[in-house]
Protein backbone atom coordinates (compact mmCIF):
# COMPACT_ATOMS: atom_id res chain seq x y z
CA MET A 1 0.02 0.40 0.07
CA GLY A 2 1.95 2.68 -0.90
CA GLY A 3 1.59 6.07 0.39
CA SER A 4 2.75 10.25 -0.09
CA HIS A 5 5.43 11.66 2.18
CA LYS A 6 4.51 15.15 3.35
CA LYS A 7 7.40 17.91 2.41
CA GLU A 8 9.37 19.08 5.87
CA GLU A 9 7.65 23.15 5.17
CA GLU A 10 10.99 25.47 5.48
CA PRO A 11 11.44 27.44 8.42
CA ARG A 12 10.01 30.71 7.94
CA ALA A 13 12.49 33.56 7.64
CA ARG A 14 12.83 36.01 10.46
CA ALA A 15 11.15 38.44 10.57
CA ARG A 16 13.03 41.97 12.08
CA VAL A 17 10.95 43.78 14.73
CA VAL A 18 11.60 47.59 15.63
CA PHE A 19 9.95 49.01 18.10
CA VAL A 20 9.63 52.98 17.05
CA THR A 21 10.01 55.22 19.92
CA GLY A 22 8.55 58.36 18.08
CA PRO A 23 5.45 58.12 15.59
CA ILE A 24 6.44 56.09 12.09
CA ILE A 25 5.70 58.08 8.71
CA VAL A 26 5.20 56.41 5.34
CA GLY A 27 6.47 58.48 2.83
CA ALA A 28 9.34 60.74 2.45
CA GLY A 29 7.97 63.61 -0.06
CA PRO A 30 7.08 66.98 0.99
CA SER A 31 4.61 65.57 3.51
CA GLY A 32 7.10 63.36 5.19
CA LEU A 33 9.36 65.15 5.98
CA ALA A 34 7.92 68.49 6.64
CA THR A 35 6.16 66.45 8.69
CA SER A 36 9.96 64.92 10.66
CA ALA A 37 11.18 68.35 10.63
CA CYS A 38 8.19 70.03 12.75
CA LEU A 39 8.02 66.59 15.17
CA SER A 40 11.80 67.46 14.64
CA GLU A 41 11.13 71.01 16.92
CA GLN A 42 9.11 69.77 19.23
CA ARG A 43 11.94 67.45 19.75
CA VAL A 44 9.77 64.40 19.15
CA PRO A 45 11.98 61.89 17.11
CA SER A 46 10.40 60.13 13.82
CA LEU A 47 11.39 57.34 11.43
CA ILE A 48 10.21 57.49 8.10
CA LEU A 49 9.80 54.70 5.41
CA GLU A 50 9.63 54.84 1.59
CA ARG A 51 9.83 53.03 -1.03
CA SER A 52 11.87 54.48 -3.27
CA ASP A 53 15.45 54.77 -3.34
CA CYS A 54 15.03 59.19 -2.69
CA ILE A 55 13.38 61.51 -0.93
CA ALA A 56 10.26 63.12 -3.13
CA SER A 57 10.07 60.50 -5.75
CA LEU A 58 7.02 61.88 -7.04
CA TRP A 59 9.50 65.18 -8.18
CA GLN A 60 12.82 63.41 -9.16
CA GLN A 61 11.73 60.14 -11.29
CA ARG A 62 7.82 60.98 -12.66
CA THR A 63 7.71 64.04 -13.42
CA TYR A 64 8.93 66.49 -16.94
CA ASP A 65 12.06 68.45 -17.08
CA ARG A 66 10.66 71.89 -17.58
CA LEU A 67 8.19 71.70 -15.12
CA LYS A 68 9.07 74.63 -12.67
CA LEU A 69 6.59 75.53 -10.11
CA HIS A 70 2.82 76.70 -10.47
CA LEU A 71 2.81 79.59 -7.29
CA PRO A 72 5.59 82.09 -6.66
CA LYS A 73 8.22 79.95 -4.01
CA ARG A 74 6.88 82.21 -0.66
CA PHE A 75 3.21 79.75 -1.47
CA CYS A 76 5.41 76.12 -1.86
CA GLU A 77 7.87 76.36 1.27
CA LEU A 78 7.93 74.01 3.36
CA PRO A 79 8.27 74.66 8.11
CA PHE A 80 10.75 76.54 9.41
CA MET A 81 13.23 76.91 6.20
CA GLY A 82 12.64 78.98 3.31
CA PHE A 83 14.06 79.17 -0.50
CA PRO A 84 17.30 80.40 -0.23
CA ASP A 85 17.15 83.91 -2.19
CA ASN A 86 18.91 83.99 -5.56
CA PHE A 87 16.25 81.08 -6.93
CA PRO A 88 13.66 82.48 -8.87
CA LYS A 89 10.73 83.37 -8.51
CA TYR A 90 9.03 80.45 -10.11
CA PRO A 91 11.60 77.69 -8.77
CA SER A 92 12.69 74.72 -12.04
CA LYS A 93 12.41 71.32 -10.87
CA GLN A 94 16.11 70.65 -9.86
CA GLN A 95 15.67 73.25 -7.68
CA PHE A 96 12.74 72.39 -6.03
CA ILE A 97 14.70 68.77 -5.70
CA SER A 98 17.84 70.09 -4.09
CA TYR A 99 15.84 72.41 -1.95
CA MET A 100 14.28 69.43 -0.39
CA GLN A 101 17.26 67.92 -0.14
CA ASP A 102 18.67 70.78 2.15
CA TYR A 103 15.69 70.71 4.03
CA ALA A 104 16.32 66.67 5.03
CA ALA A 105 19.65 68.24 5.43
CA HIS A 106 18.93 70.38 7.67
CA PHE A 107 16.74 68.73 10.36
CA SER A 108 18.57 65.87 10.34
CA ILE A 109 15.85 63.75 8.38
CA THR A 110 16.90 60.19 6.92
CA PRO A 111 14.02 57.94 6.06
CA ILE A 112 14.78 54.56 5.81
CA PHE A 113 14.74 53.63 1.74
CA ASN A 114 13.31 50.64 -0.43
CA GLN A 115 10.69 50.07 2.81
CA GLU A 116 7.80 49.44 0.39
CA VAL A 117 4.53 49.48 2.94
CA ARG A 118 2.83 46.12 2.33
CA LYS A 119 0.43 46.47 5.40
CA ALA A 120 -0.50 48.98 8.59
CA GLU A 121 -2.99 47.95 10.83
CA TYR A 122 -3.85 48.97 14.29
CA ASP A 123 -3.46 46.03 16.77
CA ASP A 124 -5.94 46.58 19.54
CA LYS A 125 -3.72 43.71 22.44
CA SER A 126 -0.51 46.21 22.05
CA GLY A 127 -2.30 49.31 21.31
CA LEU A 128 0.36 50.27 18.42
CA TRP A 129 0.68 50.46 15.11
CA ARG A 130 2.05 47.62 13.30
CA VAL A 131 3.73 48.32 9.92
CA ASP A 132 4.99 45.89 7.07
CA THR A 133 7.15 46.00 4.64
CA GLN A 134 8.24 43.73 1.84
CA ASP A 135 11.95 42.88 3.30
CA SER A 136 9.47 41.02 6.41
CA ALA A 137 10.40 44.20 8.12
CA GLU A 138 8.10 44.74 10.91
CA TYR A 139 7.53 48.45 12.48
CA TYR A 140 5.72 49.45 15.66
CA SER A 141 4.74 52.98 17.10
CA LYS A 142 2.02 54.27 18.99
CA TRP A 143 1.39 56.70 16.60
CA LEU A 144 1.18 56.46 12.61
CA ILE A 145 0.95 59.07 9.99
CA VAL A 146 0.32 58.60 6.78
CA ALA A 147 2.29 60.59 4.01
CA THR A 148 1.92 59.33 1.08
CA GLY A 149 -0.60 62.22 -0.60
CA GLU A 150 -2.84 62.43 -3.37
CA ASN A 151 -0.50 61.66 -5.83
CA ALA A 152 0.89 58.18 -5.31
CA GLU A 153 0.06 56.27 -8.02
CA PRO A 154 -0.79 57.25 -11.81
CA LEU A 155 -4.24 57.56 -12.39
CA ILE A 156 -5.09 55.43 -16.02
CA PRO A 157 -8.15 55.60 -17.55
CA GLU A 158 -10.07 53.08 -18.94
CA ILE A 159 -10.64 53.92 -23.01
CA GLN A 160 -12.16 51.89 -24.61
CA GLY A 161 -9.78 49.94 -27.56
CA ILE A 162 -6.75 51.40 -26.24
CA ASP A 163 -4.69 48.39 -26.00
CA SER A 164 -5.37 48.32 -29.85
CA PHE A 165 -3.83 50.58 -30.86
CA HIS A 166 -0.11 50.81 -32.14
CA GLY A 167 2.13 53.32 -31.16
CA PRO A 168 3.00 53.64 -27.38
CA VAL A 169 0.91 55.05 -24.82
CA ILE A 170 2.34 56.57 -22.11
CA HIS A 171 1.30 58.48 -18.77
CA THR A 172 2.42 61.72 -17.74
CA SER A 173 4.54 60.09 -15.09
CA VAL A 174 7.16 59.03 -17.30
CA TYR A 175 7.27 61.51 -19.61
CA THR A 176 10.64 63.22 -19.69
CA SER A 177 10.29 65.91 -22.54
CA GLY A 178 8.83 66.61 -26.26
CA SER A 179 12.40 64.88 -28.14
CA SER A 180 11.19 61.25 -28.51
CA PHE A 181 8.14 62.21 -30.57
CA GLN A 182 9.28 64.85 -32.54
CA ASN A 183 7.42 65.16 -36.22
CA HIS A 184 4.72 62.82 -34.30
CA LYS A 185 0.85 63.62 -34.04
CA VAL A 186 0.63 63.08 -30.51
CA LEU A 187 -2.93 62.58 -28.61
CA VAL A 188 -2.59 63.94 -25.30
CA VAL A 189 -5.98 63.35 -22.64
CA GLY A 190 -6.47 65.19 -20.65
CA CYS A 191 -6.47 69.62 -19.98
CA GLY A 192 -4.99 69.63 -16.76
CA ASN A 193 -1.69 71.81 -15.87
CA SER A 194 -0.13 68.65 -16.87
CA GLY A 195 -1.65 68.85 -20.30
CA MET A 196 -1.11 71.75 -20.89
CA GLU A 197 2.32 71.96 -20.11
CA VAL A 198 3.19 68.75 -21.85
CA SER A 199 0.87 70.25 -25.59
CA LEU A 200 3.28 73.28 -24.92
CA ASP A 201 6.63 71.44 -24.52
CA LEU A 202 5.86 69.13 -27.30
CA CYS A 203 5.59 71.84 -29.99
CA LYS A 204 8.73 72.78 -28.63
CA HIS A 205 9.95 70.13 -30.10
CA ASN A 206 8.00 69.91 -33.71
CA ALA A 207 5.49 68.20 -33.01
CA THR A 208 2.06 68.25 -32.96
CA PRO A 209 -0.34 67.99 -29.72
CA HIS A 210 -4.01 67.01 -29.99
CA LEU A 211 -4.94 67.96 -26.38
CA VAL A 212 -8.49 66.51 -25.68
CA VAL A 213 -11.10 68.37 -23.38
CA ARG A 214 -13.47 66.61 -21.97
CA ASN A 215 -15.19 68.41 -19.21
CA SER A 216 -15.07 72.30 -18.56
CA VAL A 217 -12.20 73.74 -17.15
CA HIS A 218 -10.86 77.21 -15.87
CA VAL A 219 -7.96 78.56 -17.03
CA LEU A 220 -6.62 81.15 -15.47
CA PRO A 221 -3.14 83.57 -16.21
CA ARG A 222 -0.40 82.75 -14.18
CA GLU A 223 0.00 86.08 -12.95
CA VAL A 224 -1.49 89.83 -13.85
CA PHE A 225 0.66 92.93 -14.48
CA GLY A 226 3.39 91.29 -12.77
CA PHE A 227 1.32 89.77 -9.97
CA SER A 228 0.54 86.04 -9.68
CA THR A 229 -3.14 85.61 -9.66
CA PHE A 230 -2.62 83.01 -6.91
CA GLY A 231 -1.57 85.75 -4.57
CA ILE A 232 -3.51 88.16 -5.60
CA ALA A 233 -6.49 85.33 -4.48
CA MET A 234 -5.17 84.75 -1.01
CA ALA A 235 -5.00 88.53 -0.20
CA LEU A 236 -8.36 88.96 -1.37
CA LEU A 237 -9.51 86.08 0.35
CA LYS A 238 -8.06 87.39 3.81
CA TRP A 239 -11.25 90.47 2.75
CA LEU A 240 -13.99 88.42 0.88
CA PRO A 241 -15.91 86.02 0.67
CA LEU A 242 -14.55 83.24 -2.20
CA ARG A 243 -17.29 83.87 -4.69
CA LEU A 244 -17.00 87.43 -4.99
CA VAL A 245 -13.05 86.15 -4.87
CA ASP A 246 -13.84 83.69 -7.67
CA LYS A 247 -15.90 86.62 -9.59
CA LEU A 248 -13.26 89.03 -9.47
CA LEU A 249 -10.94 86.05 -11.11
CA LEU A 250 -12.76 85.05 -13.76
CA ILE A 251 -13.40 89.10 -14.26
CA MET A 252 -9.44 89.43 -15.03
CA ALA A 253 -9.01 86.02 -16.66
CA ASN A 254 -10.97 87.50 -19.00
CA PHE A 255 -9.71 90.08 -19.16
CA THR A 256 -6.51 89.35 -19.92
CA LEU A 257 -6.88 85.84 -21.58
CA GLY A 258 -10.33 86.67 -23.78
CA ASN A 259 -13.04 84.32 -24.33
CA THR A 260 -11.45 80.95 -23.53
CA GLU A 261 -14.93 79.25 -25.01
CA ARG A 262 -13.76 80.55 -27.93
CA LEU A 263 -10.76 78.28 -28.41
CA GLY A 264 -12.68 74.99 -26.92
CA LEU A 265 -12.15 75.65 -23.38
CA ARG A 266 -15.93 75.86 -21.50
CA ARG A 267 -16.05 77.08 -18.46
CA PRO A 268 -17.04 75.20 -15.36
CA LYS A 269 -20.32 77.19 -14.10
CA THR A 270 -18.36 76.71 -10.11
CA GLY A 271 -15.88 79.52 -9.56
CA PRO A 272 -12.58 78.33 -9.49
CA ILE A 273 -11.13 78.29 -5.73
CA GLU A 274 -14.58 76.82 -4.46
CA LEU A 275 -13.87 73.82 -7.26
CA LYS A 276 -10.71 73.35 -6.10
CA ASN A 277 -11.80 73.36 -2.29
CA ALA A 278 -14.95 70.94 -3.90
CA THR A 279 -13.33 68.68 -5.60
CA GLY A 280 -9.99 68.84 -5.90
CA LYS A 281 -9.57 69.84 -9.35
CA THR A 282 -7.37 72.52 -10.11
CA PRO A 283 -7.65 75.37 -11.71
CA VAL A 284 -4.81 75.61 -14.98
CA LEU A 285 -2.65 78.59 -14.84
CA ASP A 286 -1.28 79.52 -18.07
CA VAL A 287 2.71 79.51 -19.28
CA GLY A 288 1.80 79.75 -22.85
CA ALA A 289 -0.02 77.09 -23.97
CA LEU A 290 -2.86 78.95 -24.51
CA SER A 291 -1.70 81.04 -27.24
CA LEU A 292 -0.46 77.87 -29.18
CA ILE A 293 -4.09 77.24 -28.86
CA ARG A 294 -4.93 80.22 -30.44
CA SER A 295 -2.08 79.66 -33.21
CA GLY A 296 -3.72 76.47 -34.16
CA LYS A 297 -0.40 74.81 -32.66
CA ILE A 298 -1.92 72.80 -29.89
CA LYS A 299 -5.40 71.32 -31.42
CA VAL A 300 -8.33 71.10 -29.03
CA MET A 301 -10.59 68.36 -29.60
CA ASP A 302 -13.64 66.70 -27.76
CA GLY A 303 -13.83 63.56 -25.57
CA VAL A 304 -12.61 60.30 -26.99
CA LYS A 305 -15.59 57.62 -27.76
CA GLU A 306 -13.27 54.74 -28.74
CA ILE A 307 -9.14 54.28 -29.73
CA THR A 308 -8.83 52.81 -32.33
CA GLY A 309 -5.41 50.84 -33.96
CA LYS A 310 -4.20 54.08 -36.03
CA GLY A 311 -5.60 57.09 -33.76
CA ALA A 312 -8.86 58.07 -32.10
CA LYS A 313 -12.81 58.43 -32.77
CA PHE A 314 -14.01 61.06 -30.37
CA VAL A 315 -17.91 62.11 -29.18
CA ASP A 316 -18.26 64.76 -31.86
CA GLY A 317 -17.83 62.75 -34.85
CA GLN A 318 -14.38 63.08 -36.11
CA GLU A 319 -11.95 60.75 -36.58
CA ARG A 320 -8.57 61.47 -36.46
CA GLU A 321 -4.66 59.12 -36.76
CA PHE A 322 -2.00 59.57 -34.57
CA ASP A 323 1.50 58.53 -33.92
CA SER A 324 1.43 58.61 -30.09
CA MET A 325 -0.33 58.73 -26.76
CA ILE A 326 0.00 60.61 -23.46
CA LEU A 327 -2.60 60.30 -20.85
CA ALA A 328 -2.15 63.28 -18.33
CA THR A 329 -4.42 61.95 -16.42
CA GLY A 330 -3.43 63.01 -12.65
CA TYR A 331 -2.28 60.43 -9.68
CA LYS A 332 -4.66 59.22 -6.91
CA SER A 333 -3.92 58.08 -3.19
CA ASN A 334 -2.66 54.43 -2.60
CA VAL A 335 -3.50 54.55 1.15
CA PRO A 336 -7.03 51.86 0.79
CA VAL A 337 -4.32 49.27 -0.56
CA TRP A 338 -1.88 49.14 2.57
CA LEU A 339 -3.99 50.40 5.77
CA LYS A 340 -6.52 47.72 6.70
CA ASP A 341 -9.83 47.75 8.37
CA CYS A 342 -9.78 51.67 8.50
CA GLU A 343 -12.50 53.95 8.62
CA PHE A 344 -11.19 57.40 9.09
CA PHE A 345 -9.94 57.08 4.87
CA ALA A 346 -12.76 56.48 2.40
CA ALA A 347 -12.80 53.92 -0.83
CA ASP A 348 -10.91 56.84 -2.84
CA GLY A 349 -7.65 57.02 -0.93
CA MET A 350 -8.90 60.50 1.13
CA PRO A 351 -9.68 61.22 4.25
CA ARG A 352 -13.62 61.24 5.59
CA THR A 353 -13.73 64.94 7.03
CA PRO A 354 -13.32 67.29 4.85
CA PHE A 355 -10.06 69.87 5.55
CA PRO A 356 -9.45 72.04 8.17
CA ASN A 357 -10.10 68.66 10.12
CA GLY A 358 -8.79 66.09 8.09
CA TRP A 359 -5.55 65.33 9.68
CA LYS A 360 -5.91 63.33 12.60
CA GLY A 361 -7.93 60.42 13.00
CA GLU A 362 -8.13 57.75 15.90
CA LYS A 363 -6.22 55.43 17.73
CA GLY A 364 -3.02 57.87 17.28
CA LEU A 365 -3.22 57.83 12.94
CA TYR A 366 -2.64 60.79 11.41
CA ALA A 367 -2.79 61.98 8.14
CA VAL A 368 -0.81 65.44 5.91
CA GLY A 369 -0.62 65.87 2.40
CA PHE A 370 -4.39 64.85 1.36
CA THR A 371 -5.53 68.94 1.60
CA ARG A 372 -6.22 69.99 -1.98
CA ARG A 373 -4.81 72.97 -0.74
CA GLY A 374 -1.10 72.02 -1.57
CA ILE A 375 2.06 72.87 -0.03
CA LEU A 376 0.89 75.32 2.89
CA GLY A 377 -2.10 73.07 3.32
CA THR A 378 0.67 70.60 3.66
CA SER A 379 2.87 72.64 6.24
CA SER A 380 -0.42 73.31 7.91
CA ASP A 381 -1.27 70.08 8.57
CA ALA A 382 2.27 68.71 9.53
CA MET A 383 2.65 71.93 12.40
CA LYS A 384 -0.94 70.54 13.95
CA ILE A 385 0.50 66.95 13.73
CA ALA A 386 3.49 67.49 15.63
CA ALA A 387 2.25 69.76 18.04
CA ASP A 388 -0.90 67.50 18.87
CA ILE A 389 1.87 63.70 19.56
CA ALA A 390 4.24 66.60 21.30
CA GLY A 391 0.84 67.28 23.16
CA ASP A 392 1.53 70.84 23.27
CA ASN A 393 -2.22 72.66 24.17
CA ASN A 394 -0.83 76.02 23.60
CA ARG A 395 0.40 75.03 20.04
CA ARG A 396 0.02 77.69 17.16
CA THR A 397 -2.18 77.42 14.63
CA ILE A 398 -2.67 78.63 10.89
CA PRO A 399 -5.88 80.23 10.02
CA ASP A 400 -7.15 78.00 7.80
CA GLN A 401 -8.39 81.35 6.08
CA ASP A 402 -4.86 81.49 5.07
CA ILE A 403 -4.00 78.13 3.34
CA PRO A 404 -4.37 78.70 -0.19
CA CYS A 405 -7.27 76.78 -3.18
CA TYR A 406 -4.71 74.78 -4.28
CA GLY A 407 14.43 52.17 18.57
CA LYS A 408 14.28 49.41 19.86
CA THR A 409 15.33 46.25 16.88
CA THR A 410 14.51 42.42 18.03
CA THR A 411 14.11 39.06 15.76
CA SER A 412 11.05 37.04 15.86
CA SER A 413 11.31 33.50 13.91
């Protein structure tokens, strides 16, 4: 009578267990760096886990070469350290990266790199957060700070027929410059700031971009008479109601840019700041693309109905052939993938509680970089979190109306 011999199980890999005396911060982008610095100012140590091999990986690895800050540098500073005086009003990508590297060095922030968080959950028995990474490490802390932000993963839309297209299809997260698209007819899907700037960059490399404008969009001048439109809005919001400020912005935009609807760019019924605060949809700050739309060098197209082998069919009945396609469709949060059994975040990876109260959850859980209000919103959250953890009842808070739209180691077997 035959039998089967059960194969002996291989011993499980020994896990590295780390008990962190301060908070665990997931993410070494601007949000994670700002929070770590604020904690440092409160004399609270912290540990940053970063999945990539560098700080600010979105900026270093997923942005195009010509990128500059859309807002003046004074609105993009992290807490307790401004930009160098010799930096221009709108720093370049490399300048911003340099600033963040100097920031990390100044506050002695040393993230642990190549630590992708696979799972984080609260352990009721110990009263600690457990964070598991891809190399079998287990980190425990009383506090968990989610700093992966709104832009953790590229957002890839489902478009009928896109797999049948014969040419390259890329997301802007891997686009560096238009040099690879010379003399190409390029379909750019998405008309936000990235879509507009990529189209502008393509023109400078003798490509012919066709910009898909499916929905309405606010286009504002970056500056009016030498003053930042954003700065004007922030100043006005200190004295006037939001909707009145929106009306004034649109008057300035129409005066400076003209009627954008004639170019196929319909404006939403909701004002630009109100829309940004409610939905996170950022107005486009024009840096030159609008003039190329007027001249016909950038073609504005209606929504895509279907992608074909050689091009695309559009909802208005047109059909065009293209050599390449670029998806300027933005990013999304990845929190639901790794943060388990947590009601604080919704299915879209954003805090359920809206700004300005979306920074603090229960049982030592915090969120930073989810305000939909840029780096000033991030700075506000970072300072609140640090003060809360430090137990400072007299902490300084940033007025919400000034925030713009826009340890010990062991091993176990």
